[in-house]
Amino acid sequence: MKLSADRQSYLSHKLADRLSEKNLVSAPSKEVLFEQVKSAVHFFVQEWEEMEREVLKKIESIKRGIRPGSSEWDVLYNRFLEESFRKKSRLFVKK
């Protein structure tokens, strides 16, 4: 997931506005809320890109060589990404 800084900022503004409109969060000011949302969005994008790099590395390590864009590549990409996401989400979700 490649999101430019401008796109991240745009999404952060939209999310902050929506959270504020629905009274789902409390923050001292809209600027503080925006900065917190922007930080969360940035963190999410970084984590997602790291997961994608790990997945691509796993696929490339398969000896028989799988062509990008093939149905097998798509299946492996989705499976490895889901596994990586589950593994990462356990680190952040407290039970």
PDB file of N, CA and C in Angstrom:
ATOM      1  N   MET A   1       0.852  -1.155   0.000  1.00  0.00           N
ATOM      2  CA  MET A   1       0.000   0.000   0.000  1.00  0.00           C
ATOM      3  C   MET A   1       0.903   1.224   0.000  1.00  0.00           C
ATOM      4  N   LYS A   2       0.939   1.902  -1.079  1.00  0.00           N
ATOM      5  CA  LYS A   2       1.723   3.115  -1.190  1.00  0.00           C
ATOM      6  C   LYS A   2       0.775   4.306  -1.077  1.00  0.00           C
ATOM      7  N   LEU A   3       0.884   5.024   0.023  1.00  0.00           N
ATOM      8  CA  LEU A   3       0.092   6.228   0.201  1.00  0.00           C
ATOM      9  C   LEU A   3       1.039   7.400   0.410  1.00  0.00           C
ATOM     10  N   SER A   4       0.901   8.397  -0.411  1.00  0.00           N
ATOM     11  CA  SER A   4       1.748   9.577  -0.291  1.00  0.00           C
ATOM     12  C   SER A   4       1.413  10.311   1.006  1.00  0.00           C
ATOM     13  N   ALA A   5       2.304  11.180   1.410  1.00  0.00           N
ATOM     14  CA  ALA A   5       2.078  11.979   2.610  1.00  0.00           C
ATOM     15  C   ALA A   5       0.822  12.837   2.450  1.00  0.00           C
ATOM     16  N   ASP A   6       0.600  13.340   1.243  1.00  0.00           N
ATOM     17  CA  ASP A   6      -0.603  14.146   0.991  1.00  0.00           C
ATOM     18  C   ASP A   6      -1.873  13.315   1.159  1.00  0.00           C
ATOM     19  N   ARG A   7      -1.851  12.090   0.643  1.00  0.00           N
ATOM     20  CA  ARG A   7      -3.023  11.212   0.757  1.00  0.00           C
ATOM     21  C   ARG A   7      -3.259  10.829   2.222  1.00  0.00           C
ATOM     22  N   GLN A   8      -2.185  10.561   2.955  1.00  0.00           N
ATOM     23  CA  GLN A   8      -2.319  10.245   4.372  1.00  0.00           C
ATOM     24  C   GLN A   8      -2.914  11.424   5.134  1.00  0.00           C
ATOM     25  N   SER A   9      -2.470  12.620   4.806  1.00  0.00           N
ATOM     26  CA  SER A   9      -2.990  13.822   5.453  1.00  0.00           C
ATOM     27  C   SER A   9      -4.472  14.013   5.131  1.00  0.00           C
ATOM     28  N   TYR A  10      -4.825  13.814   3.872  1.00  0.00           N
ATOM     29  CA  TYR A  10      -6.226  13.933   3.457  1.00  0.00           C
ATOM     30  C   TYR A  10      -7.106  12.943   4.223  1.00  0.00           C
ATOM     31  N   LEU A  11      -6.673  11.694   4.277  1.00  0.00           N
ATOM     32  CA  LEU A  11      -7.445  10.675   4.997  1.00  0.00           C
ATOM     33  C   LEU A  11      -7.534  10.999   6.481  1.00  0.00           C
ATOM     34  N   SER A  12      -6.447  11.503   7.029  1.00  0.00           N
ATOM     35  CA  SER A  12      -6.436  11.862   8.453  1.00  0.00           C
ATOM     36  C   SER A  12      -7.439  12.971   8.743  1.00  0.00           C
ATOM     37  N   HIS A  13      -7.507  13.974   7.871  1.00  0.00           N
ATOM     38  CA  HIS A  13      -8.490  15.044   8.046  1.00  0.00           C
ATOM     39  C   HIS A  13      -9.906  14.486   7.985  1.00  0.00           C
ATOM     40  N   LYS A  14     -10.160  13.641   7.002  1.00  0.00           N
ATOM     41  CA  LYS A  14     -11.504  13.067   6.855  1.00  0.00           C
ATOM     42  C   LYS A  14     -11.879  12.234   8.080  1.00  0.00           C
ATOM     43  N   LEU A  15     -10.954  11.385   8.542  1.00  0.00           N
ATOM     44  CA  LEU A  15     -11.219  10.553   9.719  1.00  0.00           C
ATOM     45  C   LEU A  15     -11.429  11.400  10.964  1.00  0.00           C
ATOM     46  N   ALA A  16     -10.574  12.384  11.167  1.00  0.00           N
ATOM     47  CA  ALA A  16     -10.704  13.255  12.342  1.00  0.00           C
ATOM     48  C   ALA A  16     -12.035  14.001  12.325  1.00  0.00           C
ATOM     49  N   ASP A  17     -12.411  14.518  11.161  1.00  0.00           N
ATOM     50  CA  ASP A  17     -13.687  15.219  11.046  1.00  0.00           C
ATOM     51  C   ASP A  17     -14.851  14.300  11.376  1.00  0.00           C
ATOM     52  N   ARG A  18     -14.811  13.108  10.839  1.00  0.00           N
ATOM     53  CA  ARG A  18     -15.913  12.149  11.060  1.00  0.00           C
ATOM     54  C   ARG A  18     -15.990  11.719  12.522  1.00  0.00           C
ATOM     55  N   LEU A  19     -14.829  11.442  13.121  1.00  0.00           N
ATOM     56  CA  LEU A  19     -14.797  11.059  14.536  1.00  0.00           C
ATOM     57  C   LEU A  19     -15.347  12.182  15.409  1.00  0.00           C
ATOM     58  N   SER A  20     -15.003  13.393  15.064  1.00  0.00           N
ATOM     59  CA  SER A  20     -15.469  14.557  15.813  1.00  0.00           C
ATOM     60  C   SER A  20     -16.969  14.767  15.633  1.00  0.00           C
ATOM     61  N   GLU A  21     -17.445  14.647  14.399  1.00  0.00           N
ATOM     62  CA  GLU A  21     -18.875  14.827  14.111  1.00  0.00           C
ATOM     63  C   GLU A  21     -19.737  13.837  14.879  1.00  0.00           C
ATOM     64  N   LYS A  22     -19.271  12.606  14.954  1.00  0.00           N
ATOM     65  CA  LYS A  22     -20.045  11.544  15.602  1.00  0.00           C
ATOM     66  C   LYS A  22     -19.807  11.468  17.113  1.00  0.00           C
ATOM     67  N   ASN A  23     -18.976  12.385  17.632  1.00  0.00           N
ATOM     68  CA  ASN A  23     -18.639  12.398  19.059  1.00  0.00           C
ATOM     69  C   ASN A  23     -18.108  11.045  19.541  1.00  0.00           C
ATOM     70  N   LEU A  24     -17.272  10.421  18.725  1.00  0.00           N
ATOM     71  CA  LEU A  24     -16.719   9.116  19.070  1.00  0.00           C
ATOM     72  C   LEU A  24     -15.434   9.223  19.881  1.00  0.00           C
ATOM     73  N   VAL A  25     -14.828  10.386  19.873  1.00  0.00           N
ATOM     74  CA  VAL A  25     -13.602  10.611  20.636  1.00  0.00           C
ATOM     75  C   VAL A  25     -13.658  11.996  21.262  1.00  0.00           C
ATOM     76  N   SER A  26     -12.845  12.158  22.301  1.00  0.00           N
ATOM     77  CA  SER A  26     -12.719  13.496  22.872  1.00  0.00           C
ATOM     78  C   SER A  26     -11.253  13.899  22.773  1.00  0.00           C
ATOM     79  N   ALA A  27     -11.048  15.129  22.390  1.00  0.00           N
ATOM     80  CA  ALA A  27      -9.696  15.668  22.259  1.00  0.00           C
ATOM     81  C   ALA A  27      -9.748  17.133  22.644  1.00  0.00           C
ATOM     82  N   PRO A  28      -8.631  17.653  23.144  1.00  0.00           N
ATOM     83  CA  PRO A  28      -8.613  19.064  23.541  1.00  0.00           C
ATOM     84  C   PRO A  28      -8.953  20.016  22.395  1.00  0.00           C
ATOM     85  N   SER A  29      -8.577  19.652  21.172  1.00  0.00           N
ATOM     86  CA  SER A  29      -8.878  20.500  20.017  1.00  0.00           C
ATOM     87  C   SER A  29      -8.887  19.648  18.757  1.00  0.00           C
ATOM     88  N   LYS A  30      -9.411  20.227  17.690  1.00  0.00           N
ATOM     89  CA  LYS A  30      -9.415  19.510  16.405  1.00  0.00           C
ATOM     90  C   LYS A  30      -8.003  19.275  15.905  1.00  0.00           C
ATOM     91  N   GLU A  31      -7.100  20.205  16.178  1.00  0.00           N
ATOM     92  CA  GLU A  31      -5.710  20.060  15.743  1.00  0.00           C
ATOM     93  C   GLU A  31      -5.038  18.876  16.429  1.00  0.00           C
ATOM     94  N   VAL A  32      -5.305  18.727  17.726  1.00  0.00           N
ATOM     95  CA  VAL A  32      -4.730  17.603  18.478  1.00  0.00           C
ATOM     96  C   VAL A  32      -5.297  16.295  17.943  1.00  0.00           C
ATOM     97  N   LEU A  33      -6.606  16.265  17.726  1.00  0.00           N
ATOM     98  CA  LEU A  33      -7.236  15.066  17.179  1.00  0.00           C
ATOM     99  C   LEU A  33      -6.650  14.726  15.820  1.00  0.00           C
ATOM    100  N   PHE A  34      -6.515  15.737  14.958  1.00  0.00           N
ATOM    101  CA  PHE A  34      -5.942  15.500  13.638  1.00  0.00           C
ATOM    102  C   PHE A  34      -4.536  14.920  13.741  1.00  0.00           C
ATOM    103  N   GLU A  35      -3.697  15.468  14.607  1.00  0.00           N
ATOM    104  CA  GLU A  35      -2.323  14.972  14.760  1.00  0.00           C
ATOM    105  C   GLU A  35      -2.308  13.533  15.263  1.00  0.00           C
ATOM    106  N   GLN A  36      -3.212  13.195  16.165  1.00  0.00           N
ATOM    107  CA  GLN A  36      -3.280  11.826  16.675  1.00  0.00           C
ATOM    108  C   GLN A  36      -3.739  10.860  15.579  1.00  0.00           C
ATOM    109  N   VAL A  37      -4.741  11.264  14.825  1.00  0.00           N
ATOM    110  CA  VAL A  37      -5.228  10.419  13.725  1.00  0.00           C
ATOM    111  C   VAL A  37      -4.150  10.291  12.662  1.00  0.00           C
ATOM    112  N   LYS A  38      -3.481  11.377  12.344  1.00  0.00           N
ATOM    113  CA  LYS A  38      -2.417  11.351  11.336  1.00  0.00           C
ATOM    114  C   LYS A  38      -1.293  10.407  11.759  1.00  0.00           C
ATOM    115  N   SER A  39      -0.956  10.436  13.032  1.00  0.00           N
ATOM    116  CA  SER A  39       0.068   9.535  13.556  1.00  0.00           C
ATOM    117  C   SER A  39      -0.370   8.070  13.427  1.00  0.00           C
ATOM    118  N   ALA A  40      -1.636   7.802  13.732  1.00  0.00           N
ATOM    119  CA  ALA A  40      -2.158   6.438  13.626  1.00  0.00           C
ATOM    120  C   ALA A  40      -2.179   5.958  12.178  1.00  0.00           C
ATOM    121  N   VAL A  41      -2.592   6.831  11.280  1.00  0.00           N
ATOM    122  CA  VAL A  41      -2.624   6.471   9.855  1.00  0.00           C
ATOM    123  C   VAL A  41      -1.213   6.193   9.356  1.00  0.00           C
ATOM    124  N   HIS A  42      -0.279   7.041   9.728  1.00  0.00           N
ATOM    125  CA  HIS A  42       1.113   6.859   9.319  1.00  0.00           C
ATOM    126  C   HIS A  42       1.658   5.528   9.851  1.00  0.00           C
ATOM    127  N   PHE A  43       1.377   5.230  11.108  1.00  0.00           N
ATOM    128  CA  PHE A  43       1.825   3.978  11.704  1.00  0.00           C
ATOM    129  C   PHE A  43       1.225   2.782  10.964  1.00  0.00           C
ATOM    130  N   PHE A  44      -0.074   2.841  10.668  1.00  0.00           N
ATOM    131  CA  PHE A  44      -0.740   1.754   9.952  1.00  0.00           C
ATOM    132  C   PHE A  44      -0.104   1.529   8.590  1.00  0.00           C
ATOM    133  N   VAL A  45       0.151   2.609   7.858  1.00  0.00           N
ATOM    134  CA  VAL A  45       0.745   2.489   6.523  1.00  0.00           C
ATOM    135  C   VAL A  45       2.134   1.870   6.616  1.00  0.00           C
ATOM    136  N   GLN A  46       2.921   2.293   7.598  1.00  0.00           N
ATOM    137  CA  GLN A  46       4.257   1.714   7.768  1.00  0.00           C
ATOM    138  C   GLN A  46       4.178   0.225   8.061  1.00  0.00           C
ATOM    139  N   GLU A  47       3.286  -0.159   8.956  1.00  0.00           N
ATOM    140  CA  GLU A  47       3.136  -1.570   9.304  1.00  0.00           C
ATOM    141  C   GLU A  47       2.673  -2.384   8.101  1.00  0.00           C
ATOM    142  N   TRP A  48       1.729  -1.844   7.349  1.00  0.00           N
ATOM    143  CA  TRP A  48       1.215  -2.547   6.171  1.00  0.00           C
ATOM    144  C   TRP A  48       2.323  -2.743   5.138  1.00  0.00           C
ATOM    145  N   GLU A  49       3.123  -1.712   4.909  1.00  0.00           N
ATOM    146  CA  GLU A  49       4.215  -1.819   3.942  1.00  0.00           C
ATOM    147  C   GLU A  49       5.251  -2.840   4.407  1.00  0.00           C
ATOM    148  N   GLU A  50       5.503  -2.894   5.704  1.00  0.00           N
ATOM    149  CA  GLU A  50       6.433  -3.900   6.238  1.00  0.00           C
ATOM    150  C   GLU A  50       5.883  -5.306   6.020  1.00  0.00           C
ATOM    151  N   MET A  51       4.585  -5.488   6.255  1.00  0.00           N
ATOM    152  CA  MET A  51       3.973  -6.800   6.018  1.00  0.00           C
ATOM    153  C   MET A  51       4.073  -7.180   4.548  1.00  0.00           C
ATOM    154  N   GLU A  52       3.827  -6.231   3.654  1.00  0.00           N
ATOM    155  CA  GLU A  52       3.930  -6.519   2.224  1.00  0.00           C
ATOM    156  C   GLU A  52       5.350  -6.925   1.840  1.00  0.00           C
ATOM    157  N   ARG A  53       6.351  -6.246   2.399  1.00  0.00           N
ATOM    158  CA  ARG A  53       7.746  -6.614   2.108  1.00  0.00           C
ATOM    159  C   ARG A  53       8.031  -8.044   2.578  1.00  0.00           C
ATOM    160  N   GLU A  54       7.548  -8.398   3.767  1.00  0.00           N
ATOM    161  CA  GLU A  54       7.743  -9.754   4.279  1.00  0.00           C
ATOM    162  C   GLU A  54       7.072 -10.786   3.378  1.00  0.00           C
ATOM    163  N   VAL A  55       5.867 -10.480   2.926  1.00  0.00           N
ATOM    164  CA  VAL A  55       5.122 -11.397   2.060  1.00  0.00           C
ATOM    165  C   VAL A  55       5.859 -11.584   0.737  1.00  0.00           C
ATOM    166  N   LEU A  56       6.311 -10.500   0.135  1.00  0.00           N
ATOM    167  CA  LEU A  56       7.031 -10.606  -1.138  1.00  0.00           C
ATOM    168  C   LEU A  56       8.325 -11.389  -0.968  1.00  0.00           C
ATOM    169  N   LYS A  57       8.986 -11.214   0.150  1.00  0.00           N
ATOM    170  CA  LYS A  57      10.211 -11.955   0.422  1.00  0.00           C
ATOM    171  C   LYS A  57       9.917 -13.455   0.542  1.00  0.00           C
ATOM    172  N   LYS A  58       8.804 -13.795   1.206  1.00  0.00           N
ATOM    173  CA  LYS A  58       8.410 -15.205   1.328  1.00  0.00           C
ATOM    174  C   LYS A  58       8.128 -15.822  -0.038  1.00  0.00           C
ATOM    175  N   ILE A  59       7.391 -15.095  -0.858  1.00  0.00           N
ATOM    176  CA  ILE A  59       7.042 -15.611  -2.180  1.00  0.00           C
ATOM    177  C   ILE A  59       8.301 -15.786  -3.025  1.00  0.00           C
ATOM    178  N   GLU A  60       9.199 -14.811  -2.968  1.00  0.00           N
ATOM    179  CA  GLU A  60      10.439 -14.887  -3.747  1.00  0.00           C
ATOM    180  C   GLU A  60      11.342 -16.023  -3.280  1.00  0.00           C
ATOM    181  N   SER A  61      11.199 -16.429  -2.011  1.00  0.00           N
ATOM    182  CA  SER A  61      12.061 -17.486  -1.485  1.00  0.00           C
ATOM    183  C   SER A  61      11.619 -18.886  -1.922  1.00  0.00           C
ATOM    184  N   ILE A  62      10.445 -18.992  -2.507  1.00  0.00           N
ATOM    185  CA  ILE A  62       9.979 -20.297  -2.986  1.00  0.00           C
ATOM    186  C   ILE A  62      10.817 -20.679  -4.199  1.00  0.00           C
ATOM    187  N   LYS A  63      11.452 -21.826  -4.121  1.00  0.00           N
ATOM    188  CA  LYS A  63      12.462 -22.214  -5.106  1.00  0.00           C
ATOM    189  C   LYS A  63      11.923 -22.398  -6.520  1.00  0.00           C
ATOM    190  N   ARG A  64      10.705 -22.849  -6.669  1.00  0.00           N
ATOM    191  CA  ARG A  64      10.229 -23.142  -8.013  1.00  0.00           C
ATOM    192  C   ARG A  64       9.886 -21.884  -8.802  1.00  0.00           C
ATOM    193  N   GLY A  65       9.951 -20.744  -8.172  1.00  0.00           N
ATOM    194  CA  GLY A  65       9.735 -19.484  -8.889  1.00  0.00           C
ATOM    195  C   GLY A  65       8.293 -19.298  -9.321  1.00  0.00           C
ATOM    196  N   ILE A  66       7.644 -18.376  -8.712  1.00  0.00           N
ATOM    197  CA  ILE A  66       6.239 -18.120  -9.015  1.00  0.00           C
ATOM    198  C   ILE A  66       6.142 -16.759  -9.689  1.00  0.00           C
ATOM    199  N   ARG A  67       5.505 -16.753 -10.841  1.00  0.00           N
ATOM    200  CA  ARG A  67       5.386 -15.519 -11.622  1.00  0.00           C
ATOM    201  C   ARG A  67       4.405 -14.550 -10.957  1.00  0.00           C
ATOM    202  N   PRO A  68       4.834 -13.308 -10.756  1.00  0.00           N
ATOM    203  CA  PRO A  68       3.903 -12.304 -10.238  1.00  0.00           C
ATOM    204  C   PRO A  68       2.726 -12.144 -11.195  1.00  0.00           C
ATOM    205  N   GLY A  69       1.536 -12.034 -10.622  1.00  0.00           N
ATOM    206  CA  GLY A  69       0.336 -11.877 -11.433  1.00  0.00           C
ATOM    207  C   GLY A  69      -0.372 -13.187 -11.742  1.00  0.00           C
ATOM    208  N   SER A  70       0.317 -14.315 -11.516  1.00  0.00           N
ATOM    209  CA  SER A  70      -0.336 -15.605 -11.763  1.00  0.00           C
ATOM    210  C   SER A  70      -1.330 -15.875 -10.639  1.00  0.00           C
ATOM    211  N   SER A  71      -2.250 -16.785 -10.883  1.00  0.00           N
ATOM    212  CA  SER A  71      -3.252 -17.099  -9.865  1.00  0.00           C
ATOM    213  C   SER A  71      -2.591 -17.696  -8.626  1.00  0.00           C
ATOM    214  N   GLU A  72      -1.535 -18.492  -8.825  1.00  0.00           N
ATOM    215  CA  GLU A  72      -0.823 -19.065  -7.679  1.00  0.00           C
ATOM    216  C   GLU A  72      -0.167 -17.953  -6.855  1.00  0.00           C
ATOM    217  N   TRP A  73       0.419 -16.974  -7.525  1.00  0.00           N
ATOM    218  CA  TRP A  73       1.054 -15.858  -6.832  1.00  0.00           C
ATOM    219  C   TRP A  73       0.014 -15.088  -6.017  1.00  0.00           C
ATOM    220  N   ASP A  74      -1.155 -14.852  -6.620  1.00  0.00           N
ATOM    221  CA  ASP A  74      -2.220 -14.127  -5.925  1.00  0.00           C
ATOM    222  C   ASP A  74      -2.692 -14.882  -4.681  1.00  0.00           C
ATOM    223  N   VAL A  75      -2.849 -16.197  -4.809  1.00  0.00           N
ATOM    224  CA  VAL A  75      -3.289 -17.007  -3.673  1.00  0.00           C
ATOM    225  C   VAL A  75      -2.255 -16.947  -2.551  1.00  0.00           C
ATOM    226  N   LEU A  76      -0.987 -17.138  -2.898  1.00  0.00           N
ATOM    227  CA  LEU A  76       0.068 -17.096  -1.886  1.00  0.00           C
ATOM    228  C   LEU A  76       0.182 -15.714  -1.254  1.00  0.00           C
ATOM    229  N   TYR A  77       0.106 -14.681  -2.071  1.00  0.00           N
ATOM    230  CA  TYR A  77       0.194 -13.310  -1.561  1.00  0.00           C
ATOM    231  C   TYR A  77      -0.899 -13.064  -0.528  1.00  0.00           C
ATOM    232  N   ASN A  78      -2.141 -13.406  -0.888  1.00  0.00           N
ATOM    233  CA  ASN A  78      -3.261 -13.193   0.032  1.00  0.00           C
ATOM    234  C   ASN A  78      -3.130 -14.028   1.292  1.00  0.00           C
ATOM    235  N   ARG A  79      -2.711 -15.290   1.163  1.00  0.00           N
ATOM    236  CA  ARG A  79      -2.559 -16.162   2.319  1.00  0.00           C
ATOM    237  C   ARG A  79      -1.470 -15.643   3.252  1.00  0.00           C
ATOM    238  N   PHE A  80      -0.304 -15.317   2.697  1.00  0.00           N
ATOM    239  CA  PHE A  80       0.799 -14.831   3.518  1.00  0.00           C
ATOM    240  C   PHE A  80       0.472 -13.477   4.150  1.00  0.00           C
ATOM    241  N   LEU A  81      -0.219 -12.618   3.414  1.00  0.00           N
ATOM    242  CA  LEU A  81      -0.588 -11.314   3.956  1.00  0.00           C
ATOM    243  C   LEU A  81      -1.570 -11.482   5.116  1.00  0.00           C
ATOM    244  N   GLU A  82      -2.524 -12.369   4.961  1.00  0.00           N
ATOM    245  CA  GLU A  82      -3.483 -12.625   6.035  1.00  0.00           C
ATOM    246  C   GLU A  82      -2.783 -13.190   7.263  1.00  0.00           C
ATOM    247  N   GLU A  83      -1.845 -14.124   7.055  1.00  0.00           N
ATOM    248  CA  GLU A  83      -1.095 -14.683   8.183  1.00  0.00           C
ATOM    249  C   GLU A  83      -0.289 -13.601   8.883  1.00  0.00           C
ATOM    250  N   SER A  84       0.365 -12.770   8.113  1.00  0.00           N
ATOM    251  CA  SER A  84       1.170 -11.690   8.667  1.00  0.00           C
ATOM    252  C   SER A  84       0.288 -10.703   9.435  1.00  0.00           C
ATOM    253  N   PHE A  85      -0.865 -10.393   8.878  1.00  0.00           N
ATOM    254  CA  PHE A  85      -1.787  -9.470   9.537  1.00  0.00           C
ATOM    255  C   PHE A  85      -2.271 -10.048  10.859  1.00  0.00           C
ATOM    256  N   ARG A  86      -2.624 -11.328  10.863  1.00  0.00           N
ATOM    257  CA  ARG A  86      -3.069 -11.969  12.108  1.00  0.00           C
ATOM    258  C   ARG A  86      -1.965 -11.946  13.154  1.00  0.00           C
ATOM    259  N   LYS A  87      -0.742 -12.246  12.729  1.00  0.00           N
ATOM    260  CA  LYS A  87       0.390 -12.255  13.646  1.00  0.00           C
ATOM    261  C   LYS A  87       0.619 -10.859  14.231  1.00  0.00           C
ATOM    262  N   LYS A  88       0.607  -9.842  13.381  1.00  0.00           N
ATOM    263  CA  LYS A  88       0.816  -8.467  13.840  1.00  0.00           C
ATOM    264  C   LYS A  88      -0.329  -8.000  14.727  1.00  0.00           C
ATOM    265  N   SER A  89      -1.550  -8.330  14.372  1.00  0.00           N
ATOM    266  CA  SER A  89      -2.700  -7.834  15.142  1.00  0.00           C
ATOM    267  C   SER A  89      -2.691  -8.410  16.551  1.00  0.00           C
ATOM    268  N   ARG A  90      -2.173  -9.609  16.736  1.00  0.00           N
ATOM    269  CA  ARG A  90      -2.083 -10.171  18.088  1.00  0.00           C
ATOM    270  C   ARG A  90      -1.151  -9.355  18.961  1.00  0.00           C
ATOM    271  N   LEU A  91      -0.183  -8.678  18.359  1.00  0.00           N
ATOM    272  CA  LEU A  91       0.751  -7.857  19.124  1.00  0.00           C
ATOM    273  C   LEU A  91       0.080  -6.600  19.661  1.00  0.00           C
ATOM    274  N   PHE A  92      -0.951  -6.115  18.976  1.00  0.00           N
ATOM    275  CA  PHE A  92      -1.553  -4.841  19.338  1.00  0.00           C
ATOM    276  C   PHE A  92      -2.877  -4.974  20.087  1.00  0.00           C
ATOM    277  N   VAL A  93      -3.512  -6.138  19.992  1.00  0.00           N
ATOM    278  CA  VAL A  93      -4.815  -6.319  20.625  1.00  0.00           C
ATOM    279  C   VAL A  93      -4.611  -7.012  21.953  1.00  0.00           C
ATOM    280  N   LYS A  94      -5.063  -6.369  23.000  1.00  0.00           N
ATOM    281  CA  LYS A  94      -4.966  -6.956  24.331  1.00  0.00           C
ATOM    282  C   LYS A  94      -6.245  -7.707  24.633  1.00  0.00           C
ATOM    283  N   LYS A  95      -6.098  -8.881  25.186  1.00  0.00           N
ATOM    284  CA  LYS A  95      -7.293  -9.675  25.533  1.00  0.00           C
ATOM    285  C   LYS A  95      -7.565  -9.587  27.006  1.00  0.00           C
TER     286      LYS A  95
END
